N, C-alpha and C. Protein backbone atom coordinates (compact mmCIF):
# COMPACT_ATOMS: atom_id res chain seq x y z
N MET A 1 0.81 -1.15 0.00
CA MET A 1 0.00 0.00 0.00
C MET A 1 0.87 1.24 0.00
N ARG A 2 0.51 2.11 -0.86
CA ARG A 2 1.28 3.34 -0.95
C ARG A 2 0.45 4.48 -0.42
N PHE A 3 1.13 5.37 0.22
CA PHE A 3 0.50 6.58 0.74
C PHE A 3 1.06 7.78 -0.03
N ALA A 4 0.21 8.79 -0.12
CA ALA A 4 0.67 10.02 -0.77
C ALA A 4 1.73 10.66 0.10
N PRO A 5 2.73 11.22 -0.53
CA PRO A 5 3.79 11.86 0.28
C PRO A 5 3.22 13.01 1.09
N SER A 6 3.72 13.17 2.25
CA SER A 6 3.25 14.26 3.11
C SER A 6 3.68 15.60 2.53
N SER A 7 2.94 16.65 2.88
CA SER A 7 3.17 17.96 2.27
C SER A 7 4.51 18.56 2.65
N HIS A 8 5.06 18.20 3.81
CA HIS A 8 6.33 18.79 4.18
C HIS A 8 7.50 18.14 3.46
N HIS A 9 7.27 16.98 2.88
CA HIS A 9 8.34 16.34 2.11
C HIS A 9 8.21 16.64 0.62
N ALA A 10 7.07 17.16 0.22
CA ALA A 10 6.85 17.42 -1.21
C ALA A 10 7.77 18.52 -1.70
N LYS A 11 8.12 18.44 -2.93
CA LYS A 11 8.99 19.45 -3.52
C LYS A 11 8.21 20.76 -3.63
N ARG A 12 8.74 21.82 -3.11
CA ARG A 12 8.08 23.13 -3.13
C ARG A 12 8.31 23.80 -4.48
N THR A 13 7.22 24.39 -5.00
CA THR A 13 7.36 25.15 -6.24
C THR A 13 7.34 26.63 -5.88
N ARG A 14 8.11 27.36 -6.58
CA ARG A 14 8.17 28.80 -6.33
C ARG A 14 7.39 29.53 -7.40
N ALA A 15 6.59 30.49 -6.96
CA ALA A 15 5.84 31.31 -7.91
C ALA A 15 6.64 32.59 -8.16
N ALA A 16 6.89 32.88 -9.42
CA ALA A 16 7.66 34.08 -9.78
C ALA A 16 7.30 34.47 -11.20
N PHE A 17 7.62 35.70 -11.53
CA PHE A 17 7.40 36.19 -12.89
C PHE A 17 8.60 35.84 -13.75
N THR A 18 8.32 35.54 -14.97
CA THR A 18 9.42 35.28 -15.89
C THR A 18 9.95 36.61 -16.42
N LEU A 19 11.09 36.56 -17.04
CA LEU A 19 11.69 37.77 -17.60
C LEU A 19 10.79 38.36 -18.68
N ALA A 20 10.17 37.53 -19.47
CA ALA A 20 9.28 38.01 -20.53
C ALA A 20 8.07 38.73 -19.94
N GLU A 21 7.52 38.22 -18.85
CA GLU A 21 6.38 38.88 -18.21
C GLU A 21 6.77 40.24 -17.64
N VAL A 22 7.93 40.33 -17.04
CA VAL A 22 8.42 41.59 -16.49
C VAL A 22 8.65 42.60 -17.60
N LEU A 23 9.26 42.18 -18.70
CA LEU A 23 9.50 43.08 -19.82
C LEU A 23 8.19 43.54 -20.46
N ALA A 24 7.21 42.65 -20.55
CA ALA A 24 5.90 43.03 -21.10
C ALA A 24 5.23 44.07 -20.21
N ALA A 25 5.33 43.89 -18.89
CA ALA A 25 4.74 44.86 -17.97
C ALA A 25 5.43 46.22 -18.08
N LEU A 26 6.75 46.23 -18.21
CA LEU A 26 7.49 47.48 -18.36
C LEU A 26 7.13 48.17 -19.68
N LEU A 27 6.96 47.40 -20.75
CA LEU A 27 6.57 47.98 -22.02
C LEU A 27 5.17 48.59 -21.93
N PHE A 28 4.28 47.89 -21.29
CA PHE A 28 2.91 48.40 -21.09
C PHE A 28 2.93 49.71 -20.30
N MET A 29 3.72 49.77 -19.23
CA MET A 29 3.82 51.00 -18.43
C MET A 29 4.47 52.12 -19.24
N ALA A 30 5.43 51.81 -20.09
CA ALA A 30 6.08 52.83 -20.90
C ALA A 30 5.10 53.45 -21.91
N ILE A 31 4.07 52.71 -22.29
CA ILE A 31 3.06 53.24 -23.20
C ILE A 31 1.98 53.99 -22.44
N VAL A 32 1.52 53.45 -21.33
CA VAL A 32 0.37 54.00 -20.60
C VAL A 32 0.72 55.26 -19.82
N ILE A 33 1.86 55.32 -19.19
CA ILE A 33 2.20 56.46 -18.32
C ILE A 33 2.28 57.77 -19.10
N PRO A 34 2.96 57.86 -20.25
CA PRO A 34 2.95 59.14 -20.98
C PRO A 34 1.56 59.56 -21.44
N VAL A 35 0.73 58.60 -21.82
CA VAL A 35 -0.63 58.92 -22.24
C VAL A 35 -1.42 59.47 -21.06
N ALA A 36 -1.27 58.87 -19.89
CA ALA A 36 -1.98 59.34 -18.70
C ALA A 36 -1.51 60.74 -18.29
N VAL A 37 -0.22 60.99 -18.36
CA VAL A 37 0.33 62.31 -18.01
C VAL A 37 -0.18 63.37 -18.98
N GLU A 38 -0.24 63.05 -20.26
CA GLU A 38 -0.76 63.99 -21.26
C GLU A 38 -2.24 64.27 -21.00
N GLY A 39 -2.99 63.26 -20.62
CA GLY A 39 -4.40 63.46 -20.27
C GLY A 39 -4.56 64.39 -19.08
N LEU A 40 -3.71 64.25 -18.08
CA LEU A 40 -3.76 65.15 -16.91
C LEU A 40 -3.39 66.57 -17.30
N ARG A 41 -2.42 66.73 -18.21
CA ARG A 41 -2.03 68.07 -18.66
C ARG A 41 -3.18 68.75 -19.41
N ILE A 42 -3.85 68.00 -20.26
CA ILE A 42 -4.98 68.56 -21.01
C ILE A 42 -6.12 68.92 -20.07
N ALA A 43 -6.38 68.08 -19.09
CA ALA A 43 -7.45 68.37 -18.12
C ALA A 43 -7.11 69.62 -17.31
N ASN A 44 -5.85 69.79 -16.93
CA ASN A 44 -5.42 70.97 -16.20
C ASN A 44 -5.60 72.22 -17.05
N LEU A 45 -5.21 72.15 -18.32
CA LEU A 45 -5.37 73.28 -19.24
C LEU A 45 -6.84 73.65 -19.39
N ALA A 46 -7.68 72.66 -19.58
CA ALA A 46 -9.12 72.92 -19.74
C ALA A 46 -9.71 73.57 -18.49
N GLY A 47 -9.27 73.14 -17.33
CA GLY A 47 -9.75 73.75 -16.09
C GLY A 47 -9.34 75.20 -15.96
N GLN A 48 -8.08 75.50 -16.27
CA GLN A 48 -7.61 76.87 -16.19
C GLN A 48 -8.28 77.77 -17.22
N VAL A 49 -8.45 77.26 -18.43
CA VAL A 49 -9.12 78.06 -19.48
C VAL A 49 -10.56 78.35 -19.07
N GLY A 50 -11.26 77.34 -18.56
CA GLY A 50 -12.64 77.53 -18.14
C GLY A 50 -12.78 78.54 -17.02
N GLU A 51 -11.89 78.45 -16.04
CA GLU A 51 -11.93 79.39 -14.91
C GLU A 51 -11.68 80.82 -15.37
N ARG A 52 -10.66 81.02 -16.19
CA ARG A 52 -10.35 82.38 -16.65
C ARG A 52 -11.37 82.89 -17.66
N LYS A 53 -11.99 81.99 -18.39
CA LYS A 53 -13.02 82.40 -19.34
C LYS A 53 -14.21 82.98 -18.59
N ALA A 54 -14.57 82.40 -17.47
CA ALA A 54 -15.67 82.93 -16.65
C ALA A 54 -15.32 84.32 -16.13
N VAL A 55 -14.08 84.51 -15.69
CA VAL A 55 -13.65 85.83 -15.21
C VAL A 55 -13.66 86.84 -16.36
N ALA A 56 -13.19 86.43 -17.54
CA ALA A 56 -13.17 87.32 -18.70
C ALA A 56 -14.58 87.73 -19.10
N ALA A 57 -15.52 86.80 -19.05
CA ALA A 57 -16.91 87.13 -19.39
C ALA A 57 -17.48 88.12 -18.37
N ARG A 58 -17.15 87.93 -17.11
CA ARG A 58 -17.61 88.88 -16.07
C ARG A 58 -17.04 90.27 -16.30
N ILE A 59 -15.77 90.36 -16.69
CA ILE A 59 -15.13 91.65 -16.97
C ILE A 59 -15.80 92.31 -18.17
N ALA A 60 -16.07 91.54 -19.23
CA ALA A 60 -16.71 92.10 -20.42
C ALA A 60 -18.10 92.62 -20.09
N GLU A 61 -18.86 91.88 -19.30
CA GLU A 61 -20.19 92.34 -18.89
C GLU A 61 -20.10 93.62 -18.07
N ARG A 62 -19.12 93.69 -17.18
CA ARG A 62 -18.95 94.89 -16.36
C ARG A 62 -18.64 96.11 -17.22
N VAL A 63 -17.75 95.95 -18.21
CA VAL A 63 -17.41 97.06 -19.11
C VAL A 63 -18.65 97.50 -19.89
N LEU A 64 -19.40 96.54 -20.43
CA LEU A 64 -20.61 96.89 -21.17
C LEU A 64 -21.64 97.57 -20.28
N ASN A 65 -21.79 97.11 -19.05
CA ASN A 65 -22.73 97.75 -18.12
C ASN A 65 -22.32 99.18 -17.81
N GLU A 66 -21.03 99.41 -17.59
CA GLU A 66 -20.57 100.77 -17.32
C GLU A 66 -20.84 101.67 -18.53
N PHE A 67 -20.59 101.15 -19.71
CA PHE A 67 -20.83 101.95 -20.92
C PHE A 67 -22.32 102.24 -21.07
N THR A 68 -23.16 101.24 -20.82
CA THR A 68 -24.60 101.42 -20.99
C THR A 68 -25.17 102.40 -19.96
N ILE A 69 -24.71 102.30 -18.73
CA ILE A 69 -25.25 103.16 -17.68
C ILE A 69 -24.70 104.58 -17.76
N ILE A 70 -23.40 104.72 -17.88
CA ILE A 70 -22.76 106.04 -17.87
C ILE A 70 -22.83 106.70 -19.24
N GLY A 71 -22.81 105.92 -20.31
CA GLY A 71 -22.83 106.47 -21.65
C GLY A 71 -21.44 106.66 -22.22
N GLN A 72 -20.43 106.43 -21.44
CA GLN A 72 -19.05 106.50 -21.92
C GLN A 72 -18.20 105.61 -21.05
N LEU A 73 -17.04 105.29 -21.54
CA LEU A 73 -16.14 104.43 -20.79
C LEU A 73 -15.09 105.27 -20.09
N PRO A 74 -14.95 105.09 -18.79
CA PRO A 74 -13.86 105.78 -18.11
C PRO A 74 -12.52 105.19 -18.55
N GLY A 75 -11.65 106.02 -19.03
CA GLY A 75 -10.32 105.56 -19.42
C GLY A 75 -10.20 105.14 -20.87
N GLY A 76 -11.18 105.42 -21.70
CA GLY A 76 -11.04 105.12 -23.12
C GLY A 76 -11.72 103.84 -23.54
N GLU A 77 -11.32 103.35 -24.71
CA GLU A 77 -11.96 102.18 -25.30
C GLU A 77 -11.19 100.89 -25.09
N SER A 78 -10.17 100.93 -24.26
CA SER A 78 -9.44 99.71 -23.92
C SER A 78 -8.85 99.86 -22.53
N GLY A 79 -8.46 98.75 -21.98
CA GLY A 79 -7.89 98.78 -20.64
C GLY A 79 -7.41 97.41 -20.20
N THR A 80 -6.90 97.37 -18.99
CA THR A 80 -6.38 96.13 -18.41
C THR A 80 -6.97 95.98 -17.01
N VAL A 81 -7.35 94.76 -16.70
CA VAL A 81 -7.89 94.45 -15.37
C VAL A 81 -7.04 93.34 -14.77
N LEU A 82 -6.63 93.51 -13.53
CA LEU A 82 -5.90 92.47 -12.82
C LEU A 82 -6.87 91.76 -11.88
N GLU A 83 -6.98 90.45 -12.03
CA GLU A 83 -7.78 89.62 -11.13
C GLU A 83 -6.80 88.67 -10.46
N GLY A 84 -6.45 88.96 -9.23
CA GLY A 84 -5.41 88.17 -8.58
C GLY A 84 -4.09 88.44 -9.26
N ILE A 85 -3.46 87.39 -9.75
CA ILE A 85 -2.18 87.55 -10.45
C ILE A 85 -2.36 87.50 -11.96
N HIS A 86 -3.60 87.37 -12.42
CA HIS A 86 -3.85 87.23 -13.86
C HIS A 86 -4.29 88.55 -14.47
N GLU A 87 -3.78 88.81 -15.67
CA GLU A 87 -4.08 90.04 -16.38
C GLU A 87 -5.07 89.77 -17.52
N PHE A 88 -6.08 90.60 -17.58
CA PHE A 88 -7.09 90.51 -18.64
C PHE A 88 -7.12 91.85 -19.36
N ARG A 89 -6.89 91.82 -20.69
CA ARG A 89 -6.93 93.04 -21.49
C ARG A 89 -8.27 93.09 -22.22
N TRP A 90 -8.92 94.25 -22.17
CA TRP A 90 -10.19 94.39 -22.87
C TRP A 90 -10.12 95.52 -23.88
N ASN A 91 -10.93 95.39 -24.92
CA ASN A 91 -11.00 96.37 -25.99
C ASN A 91 -12.46 96.46 -26.43
N MET A 92 -12.97 97.69 -26.54
CA MET A 92 -14.36 97.89 -26.93
C MET A 92 -14.44 98.52 -28.30
N GLU A 93 -15.36 98.01 -29.12
CA GLU A 93 -15.59 98.55 -30.45
C GLU A 93 -17.06 98.89 -30.59
N LEU A 94 -17.34 100.00 -31.23
CA LEU A 94 -18.72 100.41 -31.50
C LEU A 94 -18.95 100.36 -32.99
N GLY A 95 -20.08 99.80 -33.38
CA GLY A 95 -20.40 99.72 -34.79
C GLY A 95 -21.86 100.07 -35.02
N ALA A 96 -22.16 100.49 -36.21
CA ALA A 96 -23.54 100.86 -36.54
C ALA A 96 -24.37 99.59 -36.71
N TRP A 97 -25.61 99.68 -36.27
CA TRP A 97 -26.57 98.60 -36.46
C TRP A 97 -27.45 98.98 -37.64
N PRO A 98 -27.72 98.06 -38.55
CA PRO A 98 -28.41 98.45 -39.79
C PRO A 98 -29.86 98.91 -39.60
N GLU A 99 -30.47 98.58 -38.50
CA GLU A 99 -31.88 98.94 -38.30
C GLU A 99 -32.01 99.95 -37.18
N GLY A 100 -32.68 101.04 -37.44
CA GLY A 100 -32.97 102.02 -36.40
C GLY A 100 -31.75 102.82 -35.97
N SER A 101 -31.89 103.46 -34.83
CA SER A 101 -30.80 104.30 -34.31
C SER A 101 -30.05 103.54 -33.22
N LEU A 102 -29.64 102.34 -33.52
CA LEU A 102 -28.92 101.51 -32.56
C LEU A 102 -27.47 101.37 -32.98
N GLN A 103 -26.65 101.01 -32.01
CA GLN A 103 -25.25 100.71 -32.30
C GLN A 103 -24.90 99.40 -31.59
N LEU A 104 -23.97 98.69 -32.15
CA LEU A 104 -23.51 97.43 -31.59
C LEU A 104 -22.24 97.68 -30.80
N ALA A 105 -22.31 97.43 -29.51
CA ALA A 105 -21.13 97.58 -28.64
C ALA A 105 -20.57 96.18 -28.39
N THR A 106 -19.30 95.97 -28.73
CA THR A 106 -18.64 94.67 -28.58
C THR A 106 -17.40 94.84 -27.72
N VAL A 107 -17.28 94.00 -26.71
CA VAL A 107 -16.10 94.01 -25.83
C VAL A 107 -15.39 92.68 -26.02
N ARG A 108 -14.08 92.76 -26.32
CA ARG A 108 -13.24 91.57 -26.42
C ARG A 108 -12.26 91.58 -25.26
N VAL A 109 -12.25 90.50 -24.53
CA VAL A 109 -11.32 90.35 -23.41
C VAL A 109 -10.36 89.22 -23.76
N THR A 110 -9.07 89.51 -23.72
CA THR A 110 -8.05 88.50 -24.01
C THR A 110 -7.28 88.17 -22.73
N TYR A 111 -6.86 86.92 -22.66
CA TYR A 111 -6.12 86.44 -21.50
C TYR A 111 -5.23 85.29 -21.94
N GLN A 112 -4.22 84.98 -21.13
CA GLN A 112 -3.29 83.91 -21.47
C GLN A 112 -3.39 82.78 -20.47
N VAL A 113 -3.26 81.57 -20.99
CA VAL A 113 -3.19 80.37 -20.16
C VAL A 113 -2.08 79.50 -20.73
N GLN A 114 -1.09 79.21 -19.94
CA GLN A 114 0.04 78.37 -20.31
C GLN A 114 0.65 78.80 -21.64
N GLY A 115 0.85 80.10 -21.80
CA GLY A 115 1.53 80.63 -22.97
C GLY A 115 0.67 80.81 -24.22
N ARG A 116 -0.61 80.42 -24.16
CA ARG A 116 -1.50 80.59 -25.30
C ARG A 116 -2.52 81.66 -24.98
N GLU A 117 -2.89 82.44 -26.00
CA GLU A 117 -3.84 83.53 -25.79
C GLU A 117 -5.25 83.09 -26.18
N TYR A 118 -6.21 83.45 -25.33
CA TYR A 118 -7.62 83.14 -25.54
C TYR A 118 -8.42 84.42 -25.52
N GLU A 119 -9.64 84.37 -26.04
CA GLU A 119 -10.46 85.57 -26.15
C GLU A 119 -11.93 85.25 -25.85
N VAL A 120 -12.58 86.20 -25.18
CA VAL A 120 -14.02 86.14 -24.94
C VAL A 120 -14.61 87.41 -25.53
N THR A 121 -15.70 87.27 -26.28
CA THR A 121 -16.37 88.41 -26.91
C THR A 121 -17.80 88.49 -26.41
N VAL A 122 -18.20 89.67 -25.95
CA VAL A 122 -19.56 89.92 -25.49
C VAL A 122 -20.06 91.17 -26.22
N SER A 123 -21.30 91.11 -26.75
CA SER A 123 -21.88 92.23 -27.50
C SER A 123 -23.26 92.56 -26.97
N THR A 124 -23.66 93.82 -27.19
CA THR A 124 -25.00 94.27 -26.87
C THR A 124 -25.38 95.43 -27.79
N LEU A 125 -26.66 95.66 -27.89
CA LEU A 125 -27.16 96.81 -28.66
C LEU A 125 -27.46 97.94 -27.71
N THR A 126 -27.07 99.15 -28.08
CA THR A 126 -27.36 100.34 -27.27
C THR A 126 -27.89 101.44 -28.20
N GLU A 127 -28.41 102.46 -27.59
CA GLU A 127 -28.87 103.61 -28.37
C GLU A 127 -27.68 104.40 -28.86
N ALA A 128 -27.75 104.88 -30.06
CA ALA A 128 -26.63 105.65 -30.62
C ALA A 128 -26.46 106.99 -29.92
N ALA A 129 -27.47 107.43 -29.19
CA ALA A 129 -27.39 108.71 -28.50
C ALA A 129 -26.49 108.65 -27.28
N THR A 130 -26.07 107.45 -26.84
CA THR A 130 -25.23 107.35 -25.66
C THR A 130 -23.79 107.72 -25.91
N LEU A 131 -23.45 108.04 -27.14
CA LEU A 131 -22.08 108.49 -27.44
C LEU A 131 -21.87 109.79 -26.83
């Protein structure tokens, strides 16, 4: 009668990764990590652009409101606004509206994010008599 060998006498097998498996994992990481980092950079850029775009739109609305209420812009047709450490440049243009005695007031606010320039444009119709 034979008995199965006891577990403490059995030959132990070692679990380990082969060299090919390790190299495949390193190759996979070499592909995935740069793609993930680029995705994080794009997400960061989109967040900063969105945040500053909201500030630029608020500045453009404020300039248009001042022009509409006062009838003229203090300091001319362009200017610079500092919000925290960020600079926003605005420029206002007036154009004739083809119908009636109206004029089109357009404010463009430009700002930079990570070395690239972006722009927000806000327009409204006003009476031509406000000049």
